[in-house]
Protein backbone atom coordinates (compact mmCIF):
# COMPACT_ATOMS: atom_id res chain seq x y z
CA MET A 1 -11.21 13.96 16.37
CA VAL A 2 -11.28 11.72 13.26
CA ASP A 3 -12.95 12.57 10.38
CA PRO A 4 -16.28 9.96 9.39
CA VAL A 5 -15.43 7.60 6.79
CA ARG A 6 -16.74 8.98 3.40
CA PRO A 7 -16.46 7.38 -0.22
CA ILE A 8 -13.20 8.73 -2.06
CA ALA A 9 -15.03 10.79 -5.30
CA ILE A 10 -13.13 10.56 -8.78
CA GLU A 11 -13.14 14.45 -8.08
CA ASP A 12 -10.73 13.90 -4.57
CA ILE A 13 -8.13 11.67 -7.06
CA GLU A 14 -7.96 14.00 -9.99
CA THR A 15 -7.54 16.44 -8.24
CA ALA A 16 -4.96 14.66 -5.97
CA ARG A 17 -3.20 13.57 -9.23
CA GLU A 18 -2.53 17.32 -10.21
CA ARG A 19 -1.26 18.58 -6.68
CA ILE A 20 1.39 15.51 -6.57
CA ALA A 21 2.05 15.42 -10.29
CA GLY A 22 5.99 17.23 -9.55
CA THR A 23 6.61 14.37 -6.54
CA VAL A 24 5.18 11.27 -7.83
CA LEU A 25 6.61 9.35 -11.07
CA ARG A 26 3.67 8.13 -13.64
CA THR A 27 5.24 4.38 -13.20
CA PRO A 28 5.58 2.02 -16.27
CA LEU A 29 2.90 -0.97 -16.87
CA VAL A 30 4.69 -3.50 -18.76
CA LYS A 31 3.67 -6.46 -20.36
CA PHE A 32 4.08 -9.81 -18.10
CA ASP A 33 2.77 -12.91 -19.61
CA GLY A 34 -0.61 -14.34 -20.80
CA GLY A 35 -2.60 -11.21 -20.49
CA ILE A 36 -1.24 -10.16 -17.02
CA TYR A 37 0.47 -6.69 -16.96
CA LEU A 38 2.56 -5.45 -13.97
CA LYS A 39 2.02 -1.61 -13.05
CA LEU A 40 5.70 -0.80 -10.89
CA GLU A 41 5.18 1.27 -8.55
CA ASN A 42 8.55 -0.20 -6.85
CA LEU A 43 9.83 2.59 -9.41
CA GLN A 44 8.62 5.23 -7.16
CA PRO A 45 11.58 7.64 -5.65
CA THR A 46 10.87 5.75 -2.30
CA ASN A 47 10.41 2.37 -4.15
CA ALA A 48 6.58 2.39 -2.92
CA TYR A 49 3.73 3.71 -3.84
CA LYS A 50 3.23 5.14 -0.58
CA ILE A 51 4.79 8.64 -1.80
CA ARG A 52 1.46 8.88 -4.04
CA GLY A 53 -0.95 9.05 -0.63
CA ALA A 54 1.84 10.63 1.36
CA SER A 55 2.49 13.83 -0.83
CA ASN A 56 -1.18 14.43 -1.25
CA ALA A 57 -2.01 14.05 2.54
CA VAL A 58 0.83 16.47 3.66
CA ALA A 59 0.28 18.66 0.60
CA LYS A 60 -3.31 19.10 2.02
CA LEU A 61 -2.15 19.97 5.74
CA SER A 62 -2.64 23.90 6.68
CA GLU A 63 0.38 25.97 7.31
CA ALA A 64 -0.58 25.40 11.06
CA GLU A 65 -0.36 21.95 10.97
CA ARG A 66 2.50 21.79 9.24
CA ALA A 67 4.43 24.16 11.41
CA LYS A 68 3.89 21.20 14.34
CA GLY A 69 5.73 18.42 12.30
CA VAL A 70 4.09 15.49 10.82
CA TRP A 71 4.06 11.36 12.04
CA THR A 72 3.21 8.36 11.14
CA ILE A 73 3.35 4.96 11.42
CA SER A 74 4.73 2.33 9.30
CA ALA A 75 6.36 -1.01 8.67
CA GLY A 76 8.99 1.41 6.20
CA ASN A 77 7.20 1.98 3.20
CA ALA A 78 4.67 4.68 4.26
CA GLY A 79 7.50 6.32 6.66
CA GLN A 80 9.61 6.92 3.52
CA GLY A 81 6.49 8.72 2.05
CA VAL A 82 5.62 10.80 4.47
CA ALA A 83 9.37 11.48 5.29
CA TYR A 84 9.87 12.75 1.80
CA ALA A 85 6.86 14.74 1.86
CA ALA A 86 7.68 16.28 4.83
CA ARG A 87 11.49 17.31 3.53
CA GLN A 88 9.71 18.51 0.71
CA TYR A 89 8.24 21.27 3.20
CA GLY A 90 11.16 21.58 5.69
CA VAL A 91 8.86 20.02 8.39
CA PRO A 92 10.23 17.44 10.76
CA CYS A 93 8.76 14.01 10.72
CA THR A 94 8.35 11.13 13.20
CA VAL A 95 8.00 7.59 12.44
CA VAL A 96 6.31 5.08 14.79
CA ALA A 97 8.32 2.31 13.06
CA ILE A 98 7.54 -1.64 13.50
CA GLU A 99 11.07 -2.84 15.35
CA THR A 100 11.29 -5.80 13.09
CA ALA A 101 10.93 -3.72 9.72
CA PRO A 102 14.03 -4.38 7.31
CA GLN A 103 17.16 -2.71 8.07
CA THR A 104 16.75 -1.29 4.44
CA LYS A 105 13.58 0.60 5.28
CA LEU A 106 14.62 1.76 8.64
CA ASP A 107 17.56 3.21 6.95
CA ARG A 108 16.00 4.74 4.03
CA MET A 109 13.79 6.48 6.87
CA ARG A 110 16.28 8.20 8.42
CA ALA A 111 17.95 8.85 5.36
CA LEU A 112 15.16 11.30 4.48
CA GLY A 113 15.22 12.73 7.90
CA ALA A 114 12.58 11.12 10.16
CA THR A 115 13.18 10.36 13.92
CA ILE A 116 12.14 6.71 14.35
CA VAL A 117 10.65 5.22 17.40
CA PRO A 118 10.71 1.66 17.28
CA VAL A 119 7.79 -0.44 18.65
CA SER A 120 6.02 -3.82 18.81
CA TYR A 121 3.88 -4.80 15.60
CA GLU A 122 1.00 -4.98 18.26
CA ARG A 123 1.98 -1.52 20.15
CA ALA A 124 1.93 0.00 16.33
CA TRP A 125 -1.48 -1.66 15.46
CA VAL A 126 -2.67 0.18 18.81
CA ALA A 127 -1.72 3.12 17.57
CA ALA A 128 -3.20 2.73 14.15
CA GLU A 129 -6.85 1.81 15.48
CA SER A 130 -6.40 4.59 17.85
CA HIS A 131 -4.87 7.36 15.96
CA GLU A 132 -2.94 8.53 19.13
CA PHE A 133 0.49 8.04 20.24
CA PRO A 134 1.57 9.23 23.94
CA GLY A 135 4.08 11.98 23.78
CA LEU A 136 4.00 12.75 20.20
CA GLU A 137 1.91 16.46 19.60
CA ALA A 138 3.07 16.47 15.64
CA THR A 139 0.12 16.31 13.24
CA PHE A 140 -1.12 12.42 12.53
CA VAL A 141 -0.66 11.53 9.09
CA HIS A 142 -2.52 7.93 8.97
CA PRO A 143 -0.85 5.29 6.87
CA PHE A 144 -4.00 4.24 5.75
CA ASP A 145 -7.39 5.27 7.28
CA ASN A 146 -6.70 8.79 5.60
CA HIS A 147 -8.84 9.92 3.18
CA ASP A 148 -6.60 12.22 1.51
CA PHE A 149 -3.70 9.65 2.04
CA ILE A 150 -6.29 6.50 0.26
CA ALA A 151 -6.93 9.45 -2.60
CA GLY A 152 -3.38 10.13 -3.72
CA HIS A 153 -3.00 6.34 -4.20
CA GLY A 154 -5.97 6.24 -6.84
CA THR A 155 -4.29 8.58 -9.03
CA MET A 156 -2.60 5.15 -9.98
CA GLY A 157 -5.65 3.50 -10.94
CA LEU A 158 -6.41 6.82 -13.33
CA GLU A 159 -3.17 5.80 -14.96
CA ILE A 160 -3.99 1.86 -15.09
CA LEU A 161 -7.40 2.75 -17.16
CA GLU A 162 -5.17 5.42 -19.31
CA ASP A 163 -2.59 2.47 -20.06
CA CYS A 164 -4.73 -0.38 -20.12
CA PRO A 165 -8.36 0.85 -21.51
CA ASP A 166 -9.52 -2.75 -21.75
CA VAL A 167 -8.43 -3.88 -17.84
CA ALA A 168 -10.95 -7.03 -16.77
CA THR A 169 -9.20 -7.23 -13.51
CA VAL A 170 -7.03 -5.22 -10.95
CA ILE A 171 -5.14 -6.98 -8.14
CA CYS A 172 -3.87 -5.14 -5.08
CA ALA A 173 -2.02 -5.99 -1.77
CA ILE A 174 -3.89 -5.31 1.21
CA GLY A 175 -2.18 -4.41 4.14
CA GLY A 176 -4.02 -1.84 6.15
CA GLY A 177 -6.17 -1.30 3.09
CA GLY A 178 -5.67 1.91 1.63
CA LEU A 179 -3.83 0.54 -1.59
CA ILE A 180 -7.09 -1.26 -2.74
CA THR A 181 -9.73 1.40 -1.60
CA GLY A 182 -7.82 4.32 -3.51
CA VAL A 183 -7.47 2.29 -6.25
CA GLY A 184 -10.52 0.66 -6.70
CA SER A 185 -12.46 3.92 -6.05
CA ALA A 186 -10.77 5.00 -9.07
CA ILE A 187 -11.27 2.04 -10.82
CA LYS A 188 -14.99 2.03 -9.79
CA ALA A 189 -16.09 5.29 -10.98
CA LYS A 190 -14.09 4.85 -14.42
CA LYS A 191 -15.11 1.43 -15.38
CA PRO A 192 -17.32 -0.50 -12.93
CA ASP A 193 -17.18 -3.98 -14.38
CA THR A 194 -13.68 -4.28 -14.11
CA LYS A 195 -13.07 -6.58 -11.05
CA VAL A 196 -10.95 -5.37 -8.03
CA ILE A 197 -9.34 -8.34 -6.21
CA GLY A 198 -7.06 -7.93 -2.82
CA ALA A 199 -4.12 -10.30 -2.16
CA GLU A 200 -2.98 -11.40 1.21
CA PRO A 201 -0.46 -13.85 2.39
CA GLU A 202 -1.47 -17.72 4.12
CA THR A 203 -0.25 -16.24 7.35
CA ALA A 204 -1.65 -13.07 7.58
CA ALA A 205 -5.07 -12.58 5.58
CA PRO A 206 -7.58 -10.81 7.44
CA TYR A 207 -9.57 -9.07 4.71
CA ALA A 208 -10.23 -12.61 3.17
CA LEU A 209 -11.78 -13.92 6.34
CA SER A 210 -14.01 -10.69 6.74
CA LEU A 211 -15.27 -10.97 3.37
CA ARG A 212 -16.30 -14.99 4.41
CA GLU A 213 -17.68 -13.90 7.89
CA GLY A 214 -19.74 -10.38 6.54
CA GLY A 215 -17.55 -8.15 8.65
CA PRO A 216 -14.24 -6.84 9.98
CA GLN A 217 -12.47 -9.86 11.57
CA LYS A 218 -9.28 -10.36 13.48
CA PHE A 219 -7.00 -12.79 11.98
CA THR A 220 -5.95 -14.94 15.15
CA ASP A 221 -3.43 -17.40 13.35
CA TRP A 222 -1.17 -14.43 12.32
CA GLU A 223 2.48 -14.71 11.78
CA ALA A 224 5.43 -12.36 10.97
CA SER A 225 7.04 -13.26 7.65
CA PHE A 226 8.91 -11.65 4.72
CA VAL A 227 6.14 -10.13 3.31
CA ASP A 228 6.19 -7.25 5.81
CA GLY A 229 4.72 -4.61 3.70
CA ALA A 230 1.06 -6.39 3.59
CA GLY A 231 -0.99 -8.81 5.62
CA GLY A 232 -2.69 -7.15 8.61
CA LYS A 233 -4.05 -8.51 12.21
CA SER A 234 -7.27 -7.37 11.51
CA VAL A 235 -9.77 -5.12 9.32
CA THR A 236 -10.85 -2.22 11.18
CA GLU A 237 -14.43 -1.21 11.20
CA ARG A 238 -13.68 2.28 9.57
CA MET A 239 -11.07 0.35 6.49
CA TRP A 240 -14.26 -2.40 6.07
CA GLN A 241 -16.61 0.20 5.00
CA ARG A 242 -14.04 2.00 3.05
CA MET A 243 -12.61 -1.29 0.99
CA ARG A 244 -16.23 -3.03 0.75
CA PRO A 245 -17.81 -1.06 -1.78
CA VAL A 246 -14.81 -0.91 -3.96
CA THR A 247 -13.70 -4.62 -4.20
CA ASP A 248 -14.90 -7.92 -5.29
CA SER A 249 -12.99 -10.32 -3.71
CA ALA A 250 -9.89 -11.50 -2.07
CA ILE A 251 -7.32 -14.23 -3.15
CA THR A 252 -4.95 -15.81 -0.74
CA VAL A 253 -1.88 -17.05 -1.71
CA THR A 254 1.00 -19.16 0.02
CA LEU A 255 4.16 -17.75 0.88
CA ASP A 256 6.28 -20.07 -1.80
CA GLN A 257 4.07 -18.80 -4.62
CA THR A 258 5.04 -15.15 -3.12
CA ARG A 259 8.73 -15.91 -3.51
CA ASP A 260 8.34 -17.42 -6.93
CA ALA A 261 6.23 -14.14 -8.29
CA MET A 262 9.35 -12.14 -6.65
CA ARG A 263 11.46 -14.24 -8.54
CA LEU A 264 9.51 -13.97 -11.82
CA ILE A 265 9.15 -9.72 -11.50
CA ALA A 266 12.76 -9.67 -10.82
CA GLU A 267 13.17 -12.30 -14.57
CA LYS A 268 10.64 -10.19 -16.88
CA SER A 269 11.03 -6.54 -15.70
CA ARG A 270 14.13 -6.88 -14.40
CA THR A 271 13.41 -4.99 -10.86
CA ILE A 272 12.74 -5.94 -7.50
CA ALA A 273 9.95 -6.83 -5.72
CA GLU A 274 9.51 -6.81 -2.00
CA GLY A 275 7.24 -9.69 -0.74
CA ALA A 276 4.11 -7.44 -0.10
CA GLY A 277 4.98 -5.88 -4.11
CA ALA A 278 4.88 -9.41 -5.27
CA LEU A 279 1.69 -10.60 -4.02
CA SER A 280 -0.70 -9.21 -6.79
CA LEU A 281 1.34 -11.63 -9.11
CA ALA A 282 1.32 -14.61 -7.27
CA ALA A 283 -2.83 -14.49 -6.63
CA ALA A 284 -2.94 -13.57 -10.35
CA LEU A 285 -0.80 -16.94 -10.96
CA SER A 286 -2.75 -19.24 -8.23
CA GLY A 287 -4.89 -20.62 -10.66
CA GLN A 288 -8.04 -18.86 -9.44
CA ALA A 289 -10.21 -18.30 -12.10
CA VAL A 290 -9.16 -14.03 -12.69
CA GLU A 291 -10.33 -12.80 -16.35
CA GLY A 292 -7.98 -10.78 -18.39
CA PRO A 293 -6.24 -8.38 -19.15
CA ILE A 294 -4.91 -8.48 -15.48
CA VAL A 295 -2.98 -5.57 -14.15
CA CYS A 296 -0.81 -6.55 -11.05
CA VAL A 297 0.14 -3.35 -8.58
CA VAL A 298 3.62 -4.60 -7.63
CA SER A 299 3.45 -2.13 -4.74
CA GLY A 300 6.89 -1.95 -3.46
CA GLY A 301 10.55 -3.23 -3.83
CA ASN A 302 11.87 -1.87 -0.29
CA ILE A 303 13.86 -5.24 0.90
CA ASP A 304 17.48 -6.15 1.99
CA LEU A 305 19.22 -7.41 -1.31
CA ALA A 306 20.69 -10.16 0.55
CA LYS A 307 17.28 -11.39 2.10
CA PHE A 308 15.94 -10.90 -1.53
CA ALA A 309 18.59 -12.88 -2.94
CA GLU A 310 18.02 -15.83 -0.04
CA LEU A 311 13.83 -15.77 -0.85
CA VAL A 312 14.45 -15.92 -4.76
CA THR A 313 17.30 -18.97 -4.93
CA PRO A 314 15.93 -22.06 -5.25
């Protein structure tokens, strides 16, 4: 039974913040250039923001639910987050993992104790929409369509507002939609005039398409790319209901703009951003009218180093 969609209340986010405080790092907000700031979620223990939602969601499970073990679906970052949280409670974790995920992400999930079930992107998306996978009887922790997961991500919004009280625009990458829903819910509750903007790669931009069409859409021209942690094949009806009230628009960027942003983040902050992690900065620098101060969420940094070097070398 899937719970009905409901708004992520600010009380849910504030309670989540207390619940995950011992697990999750309060990441720094660093100045980039020209009124742009970087929220460095690539510095989390799992090098991605998903640990926020995963820690909250696993902590909220009953003892009976945790005793069955947990499972999730992931291209790498959610799997690491859920595995990390599950290990804290001493419970087994299985990840239905997209088989084309970078080896770095697969290795790190295994290192955290997860059992990997490799599947195609299409099969993983079916599981994400149906909330089930044959043969897995453990407790499912959805990687984005889960109230407690999203509330955990919202804790980042509280930190952004505390560290940059005059923020005018917050930009987040969109994959499944959990990140922008959580951050947007916190921002809109506390500072409703702040714009919350999504960023997607041109090869996978279903939310921008959905906004143009006025409802959730499939992105028929979807292409796989190095931006493996964002850019879905479609926007589900449930995630449309979650995202639409707390977002203002979406910006689509090219893969070249994303590569440039990865290099700039490395040069400026001396940290590594994966493709999805650099989408927000690519959007901020895309030339589209965005009011500052701007906070760009650098959502993750899980990428093979050789691949990173190849992508950012001119």
